[in-house]
Amino acid sequence: MKLTYQPYQLELKHPFTIAKFSRTATPLLLLQLEYEGFTGYGEASMVPYMGENLETATAFLKKVDLSFFYQPFSAKRLMAYLDDLAPGNPNIKAAIDIAFHDLIGKMEQKPCYQLFGANPDLMPVTSFTLGLDTPEMIVKKAQEAAGFKVIKIKLGKDNDEEIIRAIRSVTQVPLYVDANQGWTDRQQSLDKICWLHEQGVELIEQPMDKNDVEGNAWLTERSPVAIIGDEAVQRFADVEKAKGVYHGINVKLMKSAGMFEGHRMLIKAKELGLKVLIGCMSETSCATLAAAALAPLCDWADLDGPFLTKNNPYQNPEFVNGKYMLKEAFGLGLKSVDGSPL
């Protein structure tokens, strides 16, 4: 099995601002696995808060030797091997895992969603994310989300209510909120949650610091809105810790180190009575389609990556009535910009 990769700078349509930082682009590594005439495509998105960058990802890849992998291939064996090489590095591990599943799907002549038993008819709507901005820009961004059935808004500063009112001046679609650990006072947070509930907010991601277990649990116990653990839930070992602290978890492939563990996480969450939001980072169609293959197994989806970028190197996935349309194409179903299957 041959592994190749190249860096790519993914440019965003608008500066993307959350409670603790802002960015206009995201560094990626686009990766390919080749085996007996088949090619699988993967991607690592290295957003700042994950702590990974091109240097750390490249250093990890230099340790990887897949020449001894042979059929029948095992995703479990692959992930065990990658984790044994070094702890951490979930982003670049995700790239390898995604390319691996794309490759296996093509070799077995199956779409990736079939590899995980997902039914495309159960695809949830996906949200369109608005970063923190001025009310005027929030209105402009909300108008750009006309084809989406849900808007997700980043909150966590002093003008949260002003931002929600700006959105409500142009649309009445349901809202998801991501506070990105930006709230600190329990009672003030609960008061805000109750107000957001009245404004049509259906879920709130990571309201308080991920290390404030008691504070998040206190809010979850009292909140009329689903409270979702995001930064607090990275990989499989974190899922059980979320029970009693959150109503649900946010699975992102760049946190979970790919599709194999992301699937394990969502299955475990369901066993524990937790709901599941499947999300994404700033990503191209490649990683987003990987997450979309698991989305029918989840309660909510936030897979807007390709629609927030200016230079997606692949064709945008098919999107109808606010949902991804999964096709019978083998593997991820990724296409080049001109529409040719990859």
Protein backbone atom coordinates (compact mmCIF):
# COMPACT_ATOMS: atom_id res chain seq x y z
CA MET A 1 0.00 0.00 0.00
CA LYS A 2 1.52 3.30 -1.12
CA LEU A 3 0.89 6.55 0.75
CA THR A 4 1.39 10.01 -0.80
CA TYR A 5 0.36 13.45 0.39
CA GLN A 6 0.59 17.16 -0.34
CA PRO A 7 -0.19 20.34 1.64
CA TYR A 8 -3.13 22.53 0.68
CA GLN A 9 -4.31 25.90 1.99
CA LEU A 10 -8.10 25.97 2.23
CA GLU A 11 -9.38 29.54 1.97
CA LEU A 12 -12.60 30.59 3.69
CA LYS A 13 -15.28 32.81 2.13
CA HIS A 14 -15.40 34.94 5.28
CA PRO A 15 -13.08 35.30 8.29
CA PHE A 16 -14.17 32.59 10.72
CA THR A 17 -14.33 33.88 14.28
CA ILE A 18 -15.27 32.00 17.45
CA ALA A 19 -15.01 32.95 21.12
CA LYS A 20 -11.23 32.49 21.33
CA PHE A 21 -9.69 33.07 17.86
CA SER A 22 -10.26 33.99 14.22
CA ARG A 23 -8.88 32.69 10.92
CA THR A 24 -9.23 33.22 7.16
CA ALA A 25 -7.73 29.92 5.99
CA THR A 26 -6.99 26.42 7.23
CA PRO A 27 -3.93 24.29 6.40
CA LEU A 28 -4.71 20.80 5.10
CA LEU A 29 -2.88 17.70 4.04
CA LEU A 30 -4.53 15.90 1.13
CA LEU A 31 -3.58 12.24 1.20
CA GLN A 32 -3.85 9.24 -1.12
CA LEU A 33 -3.53 5.49 -0.55
CA GLU A 34 -2.87 3.31 -3.59
CA TYR A 35 -3.24 -0.45 -3.75
CA GLU A 36 -3.42 -2.70 -6.82
CA GLY A 37 -4.82 -0.02 -9.10
CA PHE A 38 -7.26 1.48 -6.59
CA THR A 39 -6.83 4.90 -4.97
CA GLY A 40 -8.37 6.13 -1.73
CA TYR A 41 -8.54 9.84 -0.85
CA GLY A 42 -8.22 11.34 2.62
CA GLU A 43 -7.75 14.69 4.26
CA ALA A 44 -6.39 16.21 7.46
CA SER A 45 -7.80 19.60 8.47
CA MET A 46 -5.58 21.29 11.02
CA VAL A 47 -7.59 23.99 12.77
CA PRO A 48 -5.59 25.89 15.41
CA TYR A 49 -7.25 24.62 18.59
CA MET A 50 -6.43 20.97 17.78
CA GLY A 51 -2.71 21.68 18.15
CA GLU A 52 -1.66 19.92 14.95
CA ASN A 53 0.08 21.57 12.01
CA LEU A 54 1.86 20.65 8.79
CA GLU A 55 5.12 19.99 10.62
CA THR A 56 3.67 17.65 13.24
CA ALA A 57 1.51 15.87 10.66
CA THR A 58 4.43 15.37 8.29
CA ALA A 59 6.63 14.12 11.13
CA PHE A 60 3.99 11.53 11.99
CA LEU A 61 3.60 10.43 8.37
CA LYS A 62 7.33 9.76 8.16
CA LYS A 63 6.84 7.06 10.80
CA VAL A 64 4.02 5.36 8.90
CA ASP A 65 4.81 2.19 6.92
CA LEU A 66 1.77 0.54 5.36
CA SER A 67 3.74 -1.76 3.10
CA PHE A 68 3.07 -4.73 5.39
CA PHE A 69 -0.75 -4.28 5.32
CA TYR A 70 -2.42 -7.04 3.37
CA GLN A 71 -5.88 -8.36 2.62
CA PRO A 72 -8.27 -8.83 4.28
CA PHE A 73 -7.76 -5.26 5.46
CA SER A 74 -8.93 -4.29 8.95
CA ALA A 75 -9.77 -0.73 10.04
CA LYS A 76 -9.39 -1.81 13.65
CA ARG A 77 -5.90 -3.12 12.97
CA LEU A 78 -4.99 0.05 11.07
CA MET A 79 -6.10 2.34 13.91
CA ALA A 80 -4.28 0.22 16.51
CA TYR A 81 -1.12 0.51 14.42
CA LEU A 82 -1.44 4.30 14.05
CA ASP A 83 -2.11 4.79 17.77
CA ASP A 84 0.88 2.61 18.65
CA LEU A 85 3.13 4.86 16.55
CA ALA A 86 2.36 7.92 18.67
CA PRO A 87 -0.40 9.33 20.86
CA GLY A 88 -2.39 12.27 19.57
CA ASN A 89 -2.24 13.40 15.92
CA PRO A 90 -5.94 12.64 15.35
CA ASN A 91 -6.15 14.87 12.27
CA ILE A 92 -3.54 13.05 10.21
CA LYS A 93 -4.74 9.69 11.49
CA ALA A 94 -8.18 10.70 10.24
CA ALA A 95 -6.74 11.41 6.79
CA ILE A 96 -5.27 7.91 6.62
CA ASP A 97 -8.45 6.33 7.96
CA ILE A 98 -10.67 8.20 5.46
CA ALA A 99 -8.44 7.26 2.53
CA PHE A 100 -8.44 3.66 3.79
CA HIS A 101 -12.25 3.49 3.82
CA ASP A 102 -12.49 5.14 0.40
CA LEU A 103 -10.03 2.54 -0.88
CA ILE A 104 -11.90 -0.38 0.69
CA GLY A 105 -15.22 0.86 -0.65
CA LYS A 106 -13.79 0.96 -4.16
CA MET A 107 -12.18 -2.46 -3.83
CA GLU A 108 -15.38 -4.03 -2.46
CA GLN A 109 -17.57 -2.00 -4.86
CA LYS A 110 -19.60 -0.48 -2.04
CA PRO A 111 -20.36 3.10 -0.99
CA CYS A 112 -18.75 3.98 2.34
CA TYR A 113 -22.13 4.38 4.00
CA GLN A 114 -22.85 0.71 3.29
CA LEU A 115 -19.64 -0.28 5.06
CA PHE A 116 -21.20 1.15 8.24
CA GLY A 117 -24.78 0.05 7.68
CA ALA A 118 -26.10 3.61 7.23
CA ASN A 119 -29.36 4.22 5.38
CA PRO A 120 -29.23 7.34 3.14
CA ASP A 121 -33.00 7.78 3.60
CA LEU A 122 -32.32 8.69 7.25
CA MET A 123 -29.96 11.56 6.43
CA PRO A 124 -30.58 14.51 8.80
CA VAL A 125 -30.56 18.09 7.56
CA THR A 126 -27.21 19.80 7.97
CA SER A 127 -26.66 23.27 9.37
CA PHE A 128 -24.83 26.27 7.90
CA THR A 129 -22.40 27.89 10.34
CA LEU A 130 -22.04 31.63 10.91
CA GLY A 131 -18.91 32.77 12.75
CA LEU A 132 -18.95 35.68 15.18
CA ASP A 133 -19.28 39.01 13.38
CA THR A 134 -21.03 42.36 13.37
CA PRO A 135 -24.84 42.24 13.17
CA GLU A 136 -24.63 43.64 9.62
CA MET A 137 -22.33 40.83 8.47
CA ILE A 138 -24.38 38.24 10.33
CA VAL A 139 -27.41 39.32 8.31
CA LYS A 140 -25.40 39.03 5.07
CA LYS A 141 -24.12 35.57 6.00
CA ALA A 142 -27.58 34.38 7.04
CA GLN A 143 -28.90 35.40 3.63
CA GLU A 144 -26.16 33.28 2.01
CA ALA A 145 -27.57 30.27 3.87
CA ALA A 146 -30.85 30.40 1.95
CA GLY A 147 -30.59 26.74 0.82
CA PHE A 148 -30.16 25.42 4.36
CA LYS A 149 -32.92 24.40 6.77
CA VAL A 150 -30.87 25.11 9.91
CA ILE A 151 -28.36 27.83 10.83
CA LYS A 152 -25.63 27.31 13.38
CA ILE A 153 -24.27 30.41 15.07
CA LYS A 154 -21.11 30.88 17.08
CA LEU A 155 -21.69 32.73 20.36
CA GLY A 156 -19.62 33.40 23.45
CA LYS A 157 -19.07 37.16 23.60
CA ASP A 158 -21.04 40.05 25.09
CA ASN A 159 -23.38 40.61 22.13
CA ASP A 160 -24.98 37.14 21.86
CA GLU A 161 -28.55 38.45 22.00
CA GLU A 162 -27.80 41.13 19.41
CA ILE A 163 -26.51 38.45 17.03
CA ILE A 164 -29.57 36.24 17.47
CA ARG A 165 -31.88 39.19 16.85
CA ALA A 166 -29.96 40.02 13.67
CA ILE A 167 -30.49 36.48 12.37
CA ARG A 168 -34.15 36.55 13.32
CA SER A 169 -34.58 39.75 11.29
CA VAL A 170 -34.04 37.74 8.09
CA THR A 171 -34.93 34.09 8.82
CA GLN A 172 -36.99 31.96 11.17
CA VAL A 173 -35.25 28.60 10.52
CA PRO A 174 -34.24 26.54 13.59
CA LEU A 175 -30.88 27.46 15.13
CA TYR A 176 -27.98 25.54 16.62
CA VAL A 177 -25.57 27.41 18.89
CA ASP A 178 -21.89 26.78 19.59
CA ALA A 179 -20.48 28.72 22.54
CA ASN A 180 -17.00 27.16 22.18
CA GLN A 181 -16.48 27.20 25.98
CA GLY A 182 -17.18 30.94 26.02
CA TRP A 183 -19.64 31.08 28.96
CA THR A 184 -18.45 31.17 32.57
CA ASP A 185 -21.31 31.97 34.97
CA ARG A 186 -23.81 29.13 35.50
CA GLN A 187 -26.91 31.16 36.28
CA GLN A 188 -26.25 33.71 33.56
CA SER A 189 -25.69 30.85 31.13
CA LEU A 190 -28.94 29.18 32.11
CA ASP A 191 -30.84 32.45 31.73
CA LYS A 192 -29.32 32.86 28.29
CA ILE A 193 -30.21 29.27 27.35
CA CYS A 194 -33.84 29.82 28.34
CA TRP A 195 -33.94 32.96 26.18
CA LEU A 196 -32.29 31.09 23.27
CA HIS A 197 -34.90 28.35 23.63
CA GLU A 198 -37.59 30.98 23.06
CA GLN A 199 -35.72 32.08 19.90
CA GLY A 200 -35.89 28.61 18.33
CA VAL A 201 -32.49 27.24 19.36
CA GLU A 202 -32.53 23.42 19.38
CA LEU A 203 -29.06 22.58 20.71
CA ILE A 204 -26.03 24.25 22.28
CA GLU A 205 -22.48 22.96 21.94
CA GLN A 206 -19.95 23.20 24.76
CA PRO A 207 -21.39 26.17 26.69
CA MET A 208 -18.72 26.18 29.42
CA ASP A 209 -15.05 25.20 29.66
CA LYS A 210 -14.56 21.53 28.85
CA ASN A 211 -12.81 21.03 32.20
CA ASP A 212 -15.76 22.46 34.13
CA VAL A 213 -17.54 19.13 34.43
CA GLU A 214 -19.77 20.25 37.30
CA GLY A 215 -20.77 23.47 35.54
CA ASN A 216 -21.72 21.73 32.30
CA ALA A 217 -23.61 19.02 34.20
CA TRP A 218 -25.47 21.70 36.19
CA LEU A 219 -26.59 23.36 32.96
CA THR A 220 -27.54 20.06 31.32
CA GLU A 221 -29.75 19.12 34.28
CA ARG A 222 -31.70 22.39 34.00
CA SER A 223 -31.57 23.26 30.31
CA PRO A 224 -34.67 23.15 28.07
CA VAL A 225 -32.26 22.85 25.12
CA ALA A 226 -30.00 19.87 24.31
CA ILE A 227 -26.47 20.50 25.64
CA ILE A 228 -23.77 18.86 23.50
CA GLY A 229 -20.19 18.06 24.50
CA ASP A 230 -17.70 19.04 21.80
CA GLU A 231 -14.21 19.99 22.97
CA ALA A 232 -14.80 17.72 25.99
CA VAL A 233 -15.37 14.68 23.76
CA GLN A 234 -12.45 13.92 21.50
CA ARG A 235 -12.10 10.16 21.09
CA PHE A 236 -13.82 6.94 22.16
CA ALA A 237 -12.54 7.01 25.75
CA ASP A 238 -14.32 10.34 26.31
CA VAL A 239 -17.80 9.15 25.37
CA GLU A 240 -18.61 7.39 28.64
CA LYS A 241 -17.40 10.44 30.58
CA ALA A 242 -20.07 12.52 28.81
CA LYS A 243 -22.96 10.60 30.35
CA GLY A 244 -24.62 12.73 33.02
CA VAL A 245 -22.66 15.80 31.90
CA TYR A 246 -24.25 16.41 28.49
CA HIS A 247 -27.37 15.39 26.62
CA GLY A 248 -25.25 14.35 23.67
CA ILE A 249 -21.85 14.49 21.97
CA ASN A 250 -20.40 16.03 18.83
CA VAL A 251 -18.45 13.51 16.75
CA LYS A 252 -15.96 15.05 14.35
CA LEU A 253 -13.68 12.83 12.30
CA MET A 254 -10.72 15.17 12.84
CA LYS A 255 -11.10 14.58 16.59
CA SER A 256 -11.96 10.88 16.47
CA ALA A 257 -9.06 10.02 14.15
CA GLY A 258 -11.42 9.01 11.37
CA MET A 259 -14.47 7.00 10.40
CA PHE A 260 -13.68 3.79 12.28
CA GLU A 261 -13.51 5.40 15.70
CA GLY A 262 -16.17 7.98 14.87
CA HIS A 263 -18.55 5.09 14.21
CA ARG A 264 -17.55 3.42 17.48
CA MET A 265 -18.21 6.67 19.32
CA LEU A 266 -21.69 7.20 17.96
CA ILE A 267 -22.68 3.58 18.64
CA LYS A 268 -21.38 3.85 22.22
CA ALA A 269 -23.20 7.15 22.69
CA LYS A 270 -26.48 5.57 21.62
CA GLU A 271 -25.92 2.71 24.06
CA LEU A 272 -25.50 5.29 26.85
CA GLY A 273 -28.65 7.17 25.89
CA LEU A 274 -26.73 10.13 24.47
CA LYS A 275 -27.74 11.90 21.27
CA VAL A 276 -25.20 12.49 18.50
CA LEU A 277 -24.35 15.52 16.39
CA ILE A 278 -21.88 14.79 13.61
CA GLY A 279 -19.83 17.82 12.71
CA CYS A 280 -16.81 18.94 10.73
CA MET A 281 -13.90 21.34 10.76
CA SER A 282 -12.98 23.59 7.82
CA GLU A 283 -12.89 20.79 5.25
CA THR A 284 -13.15 19.97 1.57
CA SER A 285 -15.70 17.59 0.10
CA CYS A 286 -13.40 14.67 0.93
CA ALA A 287 -13.61 14.64 4.74
CA THR A 288 -17.17 15.99 4.64
CA LEU A 289 -18.37 13.07 2.51
CA ALA A 290 -16.69 10.71 4.97
CA ALA A 291 -18.72 12.23 7.80
CA ALA A 292 -21.86 12.27 5.63
CA ALA A 293 -21.51 8.49 5.26
CA LEU A 294 -22.07 8.23 9.04
CA ALA A 295 -24.62 11.04 9.32
CA PRO A 296 -27.74 8.85 8.82
CA LEU A 297 -26.78 7.11 12.07
CA CYS A 298 -26.85 10.43 13.97
CA ASP A 299 -29.53 12.77 15.32
CA TRP A 300 -28.15 16.01 13.87
CA ALA A 301 -25.56 17.04 11.29
CA ASP A 302 -23.31 20.09 10.91
CA LEU A 303 -21.42 19.28 7.72
CA ASP A 304 -21.11 22.60 5.93
CA GLY A 305 -17.34 22.61 5.32
CA PRO A 306 -17.29 22.77 1.50
CA PHE A 307 -19.92 25.52 1.41
CA LEU A 308 -17.82 27.86 3.58
CA THR A 309 -14.71 27.73 1.37
CA LYS A 310 -13.50 29.52 -1.76
CA ASN A 311 -11.18 26.89 -3.23
CA ASN A 312 -12.59 23.42 -2.58
CA PRO A 313 -10.35 21.23 -4.79
CA TYR A 314 -13.24 18.82 -5.38
CA GLN A 315 -16.80 19.18 -6.59
CA ASN A 316 -19.25 20.12 -3.84
CA PRO A 317 -21.34 17.12 -2.75
CA GLU A 318 -24.92 16.94 -4.01
CA PHE A 319 -27.15 18.84 -1.61
CA VAL A 320 -30.96 18.96 -1.85
CA ASN A 321 -33.50 20.45 0.58
CA GLY A 322 -30.86 20.94 3.26
CA LYS A 323 -29.53 17.36 3.08
CA TYR A 324 -26.61 15.53 1.52
CA MET A 325 -27.69 13.07 -1.15
CA LEU A 326 -25.62 9.90 -0.83
CA LYS A 327 -25.24 8.04 -4.11
CA GLU A 328 -24.33 4.49 -5.10
CA ALA A 329 -20.80 5.51 -6.11
CA PHE A 330 -18.14 3.26 -4.60
CA GLY A 331 -16.11 4.60 -1.68
CA LEU A 332 -16.72 8.21 -0.69
CA GLY A 333 -18.23 9.20 -4.02
CA LEU A 334 -15.70 12.02 -4.35
CA LYS A 335 -15.56 13.91 -7.66
CA SER A 336 -13.03 16.29 -9.17
CA VAL A 337 -14.02 19.90 -9.85
CA ASP A 338 -15.00 18.97 -13.44
CA GLY A 339 -17.29 16.21 -12.15
CA SER A 340 -15.08 13.23 -12.93
CA PRO A 341 -15.28 10.41 -10.32
CA LEU A 342 -12.16 9.97 -8.20
